[in-house]
């Protein structure tokens, strides 16, 4: 775990442990969540729990403190909808995040953004929800309405399942198959630091993919490695999920 992140987590854990009250972080990135989960035992005395608004979120807040304290996570779920769906643009995750950050908000106050058709659902720190309700009125050329979500959000419906074959489960083999690239292209991507694994920069193409790994290749997209099985001919038949 990076020292700065470790120090911050220890500070929050100590505050919760000594005060007998819940203490919350801001939203952690996917890479920070992976680092924390890898060394979660260091903070077990303060009962850490990660949550992003619904199960399956990539960006999460960590709560320190005993569950008996009885306090909810400070997360609001907002629904963003075009005022006129007939004339609205097709808005992407990047469009919505860009419009949100252009209002002067910091990234660590915003969690996952889930796009479903013409609507999007945004998880944010409760303290900035009123500001977004009032000020997030336009994304690109589309006028939008921002309101508290009245329906549950299912993250699983935002991914599609795909299956591929590869000679092995090496990272470069899997990435080449998923993005229809040559092994040479993938090797160069690693060399130019274009690949992230579980939210962290990755420069090693030789490691094997594991269930639950997330991979992003800059300019190409992102996928989640789910499972694999060996065929009778000795090839790997693997399953991924890709964001819709």
C-alpha atoms as a PDB file:
ATOM      1  CA  UNK A   1       0.000   0.000   0.000  1.00  0.00           C
ATOM      2  CA  UNK A   2       1.277   3.462  -0.847  1.00  0.00           C
ATOM      3  CA  UNK A   3       2.492   5.241   2.277  1.00  0.00           C
ATOM      4  CA  UNK A   4       0.232   8.284   1.855  1.00  0.00           C
ATOM      5  CA  UNK A   5      -2.880   6.105   1.562  1.00  0.00           C
ATOM      6  CA  UNK A   6      -1.787   3.910   4.479  1.00  0.00           C
ATOM      7  CA  UNK A   7      -1.232   6.933   6.716  1.00  0.00           C
ATOM      8  CA  UNK A   8      -4.628   8.368   5.809  1.00  0.00           C
ATOM      9  CA  UNK A   9      -6.399   5.077   6.542  1.00  0.00           C
ATOM     10  CA  UNK A  10      -4.584   4.682   9.878  1.00  0.00           C
ATOM     11  CA  UNK A  11      -5.633   8.200  10.858  1.00  0.00           C
ATOM     12  CA  UNK A  12      -9.308   7.490  10.123  1.00  0.00           C
ATOM     13  CA  UNK A  13      -9.161   4.110  11.849  1.00  0.00           C
ATOM     14  CA  UNK A  14      -7.618   5.621  14.988  1.00  0.00           C
ATOM     15  CA  UNK A  15     -10.262   8.358  15.090  1.00  0.00           C
ATOM     16  CA  UNK A  16     -13.063   5.800  14.891  1.00  0.00           C
ATOM     17  CA  UNK A  17     -11.464   3.501  17.464  1.00  0.00           C
ATOM     18  CA  UNK A  18     -10.835   6.264  20.007  1.00  0.00           C
ATOM     19  CA  UNK A  19     -14.096   8.174  19.562  1.00  0.00           C
ATOM     20  CA  UNK A  20     -16.532   5.261  19.418  1.00  0.00           C
ATOM     21  CA  UNK A  21     -18.129   6.787  16.323  1.00  0.00           C
ATOM     22  CA  UNK A  22     -18.125   5.980  12.636  1.00  0.00           C
ATOM     23  CA  UNK A  23     -15.502   7.753  10.543  1.00  0.00           C
ATOM     24  CA  UNK A  24     -15.735   7.796   6.747  1.00  0.00           C
ATOM     25  CA  UNK A  25     -13.234   8.390   3.980  1.00  0.00           C
ATOM     26  CA  UNK A  26     -14.041  10.116   0.715  1.00  0.00           C
ATOM     27  CA  UNK A  27     -14.538   7.881  -2.321  1.00  0.00           C
ATOM     28  CA  UNK A  28     -11.466   5.765  -3.014  1.00  0.00           C
ATOM     29  CA  UNK A  29     -10.412   4.920  -6.557  1.00  0.00           C
ATOM     30  CA  UNK A  30     -10.417   1.350  -7.816  1.00  0.00           C
ATOM     31  CA  UNK A  31      -6.670   1.145  -7.270  1.00  0.00           C
ATOM     32  CA  UNK A  32      -6.903   2.508  -3.728  1.00  0.00           C
ATOM     33  CA  UNK A  33      -9.678   0.032  -2.904  1.00  0.00           C
ATOM     34  CA  UNK A  34      -7.506  -2.807  -4.222  1.00  0.00           C
ATOM     35  CA  UNK A  35      -4.561  -1.658  -2.101  1.00  0.00           C
ATOM     36  CA  UNK A  36      -6.724  -1.384   1.010  1.00  0.00           C
ATOM     37  CA  UNK A  37      -8.335  -4.782   0.486  1.00  0.00           C
ATOM     38  CA  UNK A  38      -4.906  -6.377   0.078  1.00  0.00           C
ATOM     39  CA  UNK A  39      -3.851  -5.163   3.526  1.00  0.00           C
ATOM     40  CA  UNK A  40      -7.219  -4.821   5.252  1.00  0.00           C
ATOM     41  CA  UNK A  41      -5.926  -6.814   8.236  1.00  0.00           C
ATOM     42  CA  UNK A  42      -3.834  -3.837   9.354  1.00  0.00           C
ATOM     43  CA  UNK A  43      -7.047  -2.005  10.214  1.00  0.00           C
ATOM     44  CA  UNK A  44      -9.142  -4.867  11.588  1.00  0.00           C
ATOM     45  CA  UNK A  45      -9.228  -3.268  15.041  1.00  0.00           C
ATOM     46  CA  UNK A  46     -11.443  -0.528  13.568  1.00  0.00           C
ATOM     47  CA  UNK A  47     -13.754  -2.858  11.547  1.00  0.00           C
ATOM     48  CA  UNK A  48     -13.306  -1.321   8.065  1.00  0.00           C
ATOM     49  CA  UNK A  49     -16.090  -1.767   5.516  1.00  0.00           C
ATOM     50  CA  UNK A  50     -16.113  -0.574   1.888  1.00  0.00           C
ATOM     51  CA  UNK A  51     -19.314   0.442   0.110  1.00  0.00           C
ATOM     52  CA  UNK A  52     -20.069   2.600  -2.910  1.00  0.00           C
ATOM     53  CA  UNK A  53     -23.843   2.917  -2.912  1.00  0.00           C
ATOM     54  CA  UNK A  54     -24.769  -0.558  -4.168  1.00  0.00           C
ATOM     55  CA  UNK A  55     -22.932  -3.855  -4.312  1.00  0.00           C
ATOM     56  CA  UNK A  56     -20.425  -4.078  -7.134  1.00  0.00           C
ATOM     57  CA  UNK A  57     -19.291  -0.450  -7.223  1.00  0.00           C
ATOM     58  CA  UNK A  58     -15.729   0.236  -8.338  1.00  0.00           C
ATOM     59  CA  UNK A  59     -15.276   3.414  -6.315  1.00  0.00           C
ATOM     60  CA  UNK A  60     -16.052   3.033  -2.618  1.00  0.00           C
ATOM     61  CA  UNK A  61     -16.089   4.856   0.700  1.00  0.00           C
ATOM     62  CA  UNK A  62     -14.448   3.039   3.601  1.00  0.00           C
ATOM     63  CA  UNK A  63     -16.206   3.202   6.942  1.00  0.00           C
ATOM     64  CA  UNK A  64     -14.275   2.613  10.155  1.00  0.00           C
ATOM     65  CA  UNK A  65     -16.143   1.697  13.320  1.00  0.00           C
ATOM     66  CA  UNK A  66     -18.286  -0.995  14.900  1.00  0.00           C
ATOM     67  CA  UNK A  67     -21.595  -1.745  13.160  1.00  0.00           C
ATOM     68  CA  UNK A  68     -23.457  -1.196  16.435  1.00  0.00           C
ATOM     69  CA  UNK A  69     -22.860   2.550  16.057  1.00  0.00           C
ATOM     70  CA  UNK A  70     -25.818   2.588  13.651  1.00  0.00           C
ATOM     71  CA  UNK A  71     -24.947   5.209  11.064  1.00  0.00           C
ATOM     72  CA  UNK A  72     -25.544   4.958   7.309  1.00  0.00           C
ATOM     73  CA  UNK A  73     -22.910   5.643   4.688  1.00  0.00           C
ATOM     74  CA  UNK A  74     -22.931   9.319   3.604  1.00  0.00           C
ATOM     75  CA  UNK A  75     -23.840   8.423   0.024  1.00  0.00           C
ATOM     76  CA  UNK A  76     -26.635   9.904  -2.087  1.00  0.00           C
ATOM     77  CA  UNK A  77     -27.910   8.341  -5.321  1.00  0.00           C
ATOM     78  CA  UNK A  78     -28.878  10.884  -7.965  1.00  0.00           C
ATOM     79  CA  UNK A  79     -30.713  10.234 -11.212  1.00  0.00           C
ATOM     80  CA  UNK A  80     -29.770  12.350 -14.217  1.00  0.00           C
ATOM     81  CA  UNK A  81     -32.335  12.482 -17.025  1.00  0.00           C
ATOM     82  CA  UNK A  82     -32.686  14.623 -20.161  1.00  0.00           C
ATOM     83  CA  UNK A  83     -35.482  17.169 -20.042  1.00  0.00           C
ATOM     84  CA  UNK A  84     -36.537  16.098 -23.524  1.00  0.00           C
ATOM     85  CA  UNK A  85     -35.595  12.494 -24.294  1.00  0.00           C
ATOM     86  CA  UNK A  86     -36.661  12.824 -27.922  1.00  0.00           C
ATOM     87  CA  UNK A  87     -33.957  15.376 -28.676  1.00  0.00           C
ATOM     88  CA  UNK A  88     -31.302  14.343 -26.164  1.00  0.00           C
ATOM     89  CA  UNK A  89     -27.779  13.287 -27.085  1.00  0.00           C
ATOM     90  CA  UNK A  90     -26.372   9.902 -26.140  1.00  0.00           C
ATOM     91  CA  UNK A  91     -24.431  10.838 -23.026  1.00  0.00           C
ATOM     92  CA  UNK A  92     -21.495   8.720 -21.882  1.00  0.00           C
ATOM     93  CA  UNK A  93     -19.875   8.176 -18.505  1.00  0.00           C
ATOM     94  CA  UNK A  94     -17.125  10.589 -19.574  1.00  0.00           C
ATOM     95  CA  UNK A  95     -19.649  13.294 -20.540  1.00  0.00           C
ATOM     96  CA  UNK A  96     -21.425  13.092 -17.187  1.00  0.00           C
ATOM     97  CA  UNK A  97     -18.234  13.006 -15.132  1.00  0.00           C
ATOM     98  CA  UNK A  98     -16.805  15.921 -17.100  1.00  0.00           C
ATOM     99  CA  UNK A  99     -19.917  18.044 -16.551  1.00  0.00           C
ATOM    100  CA  UNK A 100     -19.880  17.223 -12.839  1.00  0.00           C
ATOM    101  CA  UNK A 101     -16.218  18.078 -12.325  1.00  0.00           C
ATOM    102  CA  UNK A 102     -16.573  21.267 -14.375  1.00  0.00           C
ATOM    103  CA  UNK A 103     -18.759  22.575 -11.546  1.00  0.00           C
ATOM    104  CA  UNK A 104     -15.625  22.710  -9.390  1.00  0.00           C
ATOM    105  CA  UNK A 105     -16.113  19.461  -7.466  1.00  0.00           C
ATOM    106  CA  UNK A 106     -13.249  17.157  -6.512  1.00  0.00           C
ATOM    107  CA  UNK A 107     -13.165  13.639  -7.943  1.00  0.00           C
ATOM    108  CA  UNK A 108     -13.068  11.992  -4.506  1.00  0.00           C
ATOM    109  CA  UNK A 109     -16.598  13.284  -3.792  1.00  0.00           C
ATOM    110  CA  UNK A 110     -18.021  11.348  -6.754  1.00  0.00           C
ATOM    111  CA  UNK A 111     -18.471   7.589  -6.845  1.00  0.00           C
ATOM    112  CA  UNK A 112     -19.592   5.368  -9.712  1.00  0.00           C
ATOM    113  CA  UNK A 113     -21.685   6.680 -12.587  1.00  0.00           C
ATOM    114  CA  UNK A 114     -23.981   4.087 -14.149  1.00  0.00           C
ATOM    115  CA  UNK A 115     -25.506   4.872 -17.543  1.00  0.00           C
ATOM    116  CA  UNK A 116     -28.730   3.093 -18.482  1.00  0.00           C
ATOM    117  CA  UNK A 117     -30.264   4.219 -21.752  1.00  0.00           C
ATOM    118  CA  UNK A 118     -31.103   7.911 -21.562  1.00  0.00           C
ATOM    119  CA  UNK A 119     -30.739   8.000 -17.792  1.00  0.00           C
ATOM    120  CA  UNK A 120     -27.697   7.894 -15.548  1.00  0.00           C
ATOM    121  CA  UNK A 121     -27.275   7.208 -11.853  1.00  0.00           C
ATOM    122  CA  UNK A 122     -24.536   8.951  -9.909  1.00  0.00           C
ATOM    123  CA  UNK A 123     -23.335   8.125  -6.406  1.00  0.00           C
ATOM    124  CA  UNK A 124     -21.915  11.076  -4.505  1.00  0.00           C
ATOM    125  CA  UNK A 125     -21.103  12.279  -1.017  1.00  0.00           C
ATOM    126  CA  UNK A 126     -24.337  13.439   0.605  1.00  0.00           C
ATOM    127  CA  UNK A 127     -22.960  16.855   1.394  1.00  0.00           C
ATOM    128  CA  UNK A 128     -22.636  17.805  -2.284  1.00  0.00           C
ATOM    129  CA  UNK A 129     -26.010  16.362  -3.378  1.00  0.00           C
ATOM    130  CA  UNK A 130     -27.949  19.649  -2.937  1.00  0.00           C
ATOM    131  CA  UNK A 131     -25.314  21.473  -4.998  1.00  0.00           C
ATOM    132  CA  UNK A 132     -25.624  18.965  -7.843  1.00  0.00           C
ATOM    133  CA  UNK A 133     -29.423  19.053  -7.740  1.00  0.00           C
ATOM    134  CA  UNK A 134     -29.306  22.793  -8.270  1.00  0.00           C
ATOM    135  CA  UNK A 135     -26.369  23.177 -10.629  1.00  0.00           C
ATOM    136  CA  UNK A 136     -26.109  20.073 -12.831  1.00  0.00           C
ATOM    137  CA  UNK A 137     -28.546  21.273 -15.501  1.00  0.00           C
ATOM    138  CA  UNK A 138     -26.686  20.733 -18.769  1.00  0.00           C
ATOM    139  CA  UNK A 139     -24.378  18.043 -20.170  1.00  0.00           C
ATOM    140  CA  UNK A 140     -22.836  18.809 -23.545  1.00  0.00           C
ATOM    141  CA  UNK A 141     -25.782  20.259 -25.497  1.00  0.00           C
ATOM    142  CA  UNK A 142     -28.482  18.442 -23.541  1.00  0.00           C
ATOM    143  CA  UNK A 143     -30.544  20.041 -20.773  1.00  0.00           C
ATOM    144  CA  UNK A 144     -30.899  17.587 -17.889  1.00  0.00           C
ATOM    145  CA  UNK A 145     -32.832  17.204 -14.662  1.00  0.00           C
ATOM    146  CA  UNK A 146     -31.000  15.951 -11.580  1.00  0.00           C
ATOM    147  CA  UNK A 147     -33.059  14.399  -8.774  1.00  0.00           C
ATOM    148  CA  UNK A 148     -32.769  11.909  -5.941  1.00  0.00           C
ATOM    149  CA  UNK A 149     -33.213   8.404  -7.327  1.00  0.00           C
ATOM    150  CA  UNK A 150     -36.462   6.714  -6.385  1.00  0.00           C
ATOM    151  CA  UNK A 151     -35.413   3.290  -7.719  1.00  0.00           C
ATOM    152  CA  UNK A 152     -32.668   0.836  -6.795  1.00  0.00           C
ATOM    153  CA  UNK A 153     -29.673   0.636  -9.107  1.00  0.00           C
ATOM    154  CA  UNK A 154     -28.363  -2.731 -10.278  1.00  0.00           C
ATOM    155  CA  UNK A 155     -24.736  -2.579 -11.399  1.00  0.00           C
ATOM    156  CA  UNK A 156     -24.861  -6.023 -13.027  1.00  0.00           C
ATOM    157  CA  UNK A 157     -27.152  -4.771 -15.770  1.00  0.00           C
ATOM    158  CA  UNK A 158     -24.447  -2.382 -16.942  1.00  0.00           C
ATOM    159  CA  UNK A 159     -22.130  -5.179 -18.141  1.00  0.00           C
ATOM    160  CA  UNK A 160     -22.280  -7.662 -20.986  1.00  0.00           C
ATOM    161  CA  UNK A 161     -20.688 -11.108 -20.962  1.00  0.00           C
ATOM    162  CA  UNK A 162     -18.265 -12.178 -23.687  1.00  0.00           C
ATOM    163  CA  UNK A 163     -16.153 -15.299 -24.247  1.00  0.00           C
ATOM    164  CA  UNK A 164     -12.806 -15.688 -25.974  1.00  0.00           C
ATOM    165  CA  UNK A 165     -10.063 -18.213 -26.651  1.00  0.00           C
ATOM    166  CA  UNK A 166      -6.354 -17.725 -25.886  1.00  0.00           C
ATOM    167  CA  UNK A 167      -3.258 -19.898 -25.814  1.00  0.00           C
ATOM    168  CA  UNK A 168      -2.737 -19.072 -22.124  1.00  0.00           C
ATOM    169  CA  UNK A 169      -4.022 -16.816 -19.351  1.00  0.00           C
ATOM    170  CA  UNK A 170      -1.010 -14.499 -19.531  1.00  0.00           C
ATOM    171  CA  UNK A 171      -2.134 -10.893 -19.368  1.00  0.00           C
ATOM    172  CA  UNK A 172      -0.829 -10.079 -22.835  1.00  0.00           C
ATOM    173  CA  UNK A 173      -2.583 -13.105 -24.375  1.00  0.00           C
ATOM    174  CA  UNK A 174      -5.922 -12.262 -22.764  1.00  0.00           C
ATOM    175  CA  UNK A 175      -5.744  -8.558 -23.598  1.00  0.00           C
ATOM    176  CA  UNK A 176      -4.780  -9.302 -27.189  1.00  0.00           C
ATOM    177  CA  UNK A 177      -7.790 -11.603 -27.568  1.00  0.00           C
ATOM    178  CA  UNK A 178     -10.284  -9.214 -25.966  1.00  0.00           C
ATOM    179  CA  UNK A 179      -9.242  -6.131 -27.925  1.00  0.00           C
ATOM    180  CA  UNK A 180      -8.288  -7.980 -31.150  1.00  0.00           C
ATOM    181  CA  UNK A 181      -4.686  -6.822 -31.022  1.00  0.00           C
ATOM    182  CA  UNK A 182      -1.367  -8.480 -31.793  1.00  0.00           C
ATOM    183  CA  UNK A 183       0.901  -9.565 -28.961  1.00  0.00           C
ATOM    184  CA  UNK A 184       3.388  -6.946 -30.213  1.00  0.00           C
ATOM    185  CA  UNK A 185       0.792  -4.181 -29.881  1.00  0.00           C
ATOM    186  CA  UNK A 186      -0.039  -5.306 -26.350  1.00  0.00           C
ATOM    187  CA  UNK A 187       3.632  -5.489 -25.392  1.00  0.00           C
ATOM    188  CA  UNK A 188       4.074  -1.880 -26.542  1.00  0.00           C
ATOM    189  CA  UNK A 189       1.011  -0.866 -24.530  1.00  0.00           C
ATOM    190  CA  UNK A 190       2.621  -2.263 -21.387  1.00  0.00           C
ATOM    191  CA  UNK A 191       5.911  -0.540 -22.210  1.00  0.00           C
ATOM    192  CA  UNK A 192       4.132   2.814 -22.659  1.00  0.00           C
ATOM    193  CA  UNK A 193       2.231   2.395 -19.363  1.00  0.00           C
ATOM    194  CA  UNK A 194      -1.172   2.257 -21.051  1.00  0.00           C
ATOM    195  CA  UNK A 195      -2.411  -0.755 -19.042  1.00  0.00           C
ATOM    196  CA  UNK A 196      -3.930  -0.693 -15.574  1.00  0.00           C
ATOM    197  CA  UNK A 197      -4.715  -3.790 -13.524  1.00  0.00           C
ATOM    198  CA  UNK A 198      -7.268  -3.402 -10.726  1.00  0.00           C
ATOM    199  CA  UNK A 199      -6.887   0.358 -10.995  1.00  0.00           C
ATOM    200  CA  UNK A 200      -3.096   0.347 -10.703  1.00  0.00           C
ATOM    201  CA  UNK A 201      -0.518   0.881 -13.492  1.00  0.00           C
ATOM    202  CA  UNK A 202       0.829  -2.458 -14.683  1.00  0.00           C
ATOM    203  CA  UNK A 203       4.074  -3.000 -16.605  1.00  0.00           C
ATOM    204  CA  UNK A 204       4.223  -6.800 -16.486  1.00  0.00           C
ATOM    205  CA  UNK A 205       2.526  -8.643 -19.367  1.00  0.00           C
ATOM    206  CA  UNK A 206       3.603 -12.081 -18.133  1.00  0.00           C
ATOM    207  CA  UNK A 207       1.439 -12.502 -15.024  1.00  0.00           C
ATOM    208  CA  UNK A 208      -1.672 -14.657 -15.231  1.00  0.00           C
ATOM    209  CA  UNK A 209      -5.177 -13.229 -15.058  1.00  0.00           C
ATOM    210  CA  UNK A 210      -7.217 -14.106 -11.982  1.00  0.00           C
ATOM    211  CA  UNK A 211     -10.958 -14.136 -11.383  1.00  0.00           C
ATOM    212  CA  UNK A 212     -12.108 -10.672 -10.402  1.00  0.00           C
ATOM    213  CA  UNK A 213      -9.243  -8.808 -12.085  1.00  0.00           C
ATOM    214  CA  UNK A 214     -10.182  -5.639 -13.929  1.00  0.00           C
ATOM    215  CA  UNK A 215      -8.077  -4.482 -16.872  1.00  0.00           C
ATOM    216  CA  UNK A 216      -8.150  -1.149 -18.651  1.00  0.00           C
ATOM    217  CA  UNK A 217      -6.243  -0.346 -21.835  1.00  0.00           C
ATOM    218  CA  UNK A 218      -6.116   3.348 -22.565  1.00  0.00           C
ATOM    219  CA  UNK A 219      -7.978   4.169 -25.756  1.00  0.00           C
ATOM    220  CA  UNK A 220      -9.547   0.700 -26.010  1.00  0.00           C
ATOM    221  CA  UNK A 221     -11.716   0.190 -22.944  1.00  0.00           C
ATOM    222  CA  UNK A 222     -12.048  -1.931 -19.854  1.00  0.00           C
ATOM    223  CA  UNK A 223     -13.076  -5.470 -18.954  1.00  0.00           C
ATOM    224  CA  UNK A 224     -13.431  -7.754 -15.930  1.00  0.00           C
ATOM    225  CA  UNK A 225     -11.940 -11.236 -16.015  1.00  0.00           C
ATOM    226  CA  UNK A 226     -14.525 -13.712 -14.688  1.00  0.00           C
ATOM    227  CA  UNK A 227     -13.426 -17.321 -15.227  1.00  0.00           C
ATOM    228  CA  UNK A 228     -11.736 -19.760 -17.584  1.00  0.00           C
ATOM    229  CA  UNK A 229     -11.675 -23.420 -18.529  1.00  0.00           C
ATOM    230  CA  UNK A 230      -9.214 -25.522 -20.497  1.00  0.00           C
ATOM    231  CA  UNK A 231     -10.488 -27.002 -23.754  1.00  0.00           C
ATOM    232  CA  UNK A 232      -9.720 -30.512 -24.993  1.00  0.00           C
ATOM    233  CA  UNK A 233      -7.147 -28.986 -27.352  1.00  0.00           C
ATOM    234  CA  UNK A 234      -5.324 -27.266 -24.502  1.00  0.00           C
ATOM    235  CA  UNK A 235      -6.556 -23.736 -25.155  1.00  0.00           C
ATOM    236  CA  UNK A 236      -8.052 -21.402 -22.560  1.00  0.00           C
ATOM    237  CA  UNK A 237     -11.730 -20.560 -23.037  1.00  0.00           C
ATOM    238  CA  UNK A 238     -12.303 -17.560 -20.793  1.00  0.00           C
ATOM    239  CA  UNK A 239     -15.207 -15.327 -19.852  1.00  0.00           C
ATOM    240  CA  UNK A 240     -15.106 -11.563 -19.319  1.00  0.00           C
ATOM    241  CA  UNK A 241     -17.608  -8.852 -18.557  1.00  0.00           C
ATOM    242  CA  UNK A 242     -17.375  -5.568 -20.390  1.00  0.00           C
ATOM    243  CA  UNK A 243     -19.091  -2.303 -19.372  1.00  0.00           C
ATOM    244  CA  UNK A 244     -21.990  -1.475 -21.679  1.00  0.00           C
END
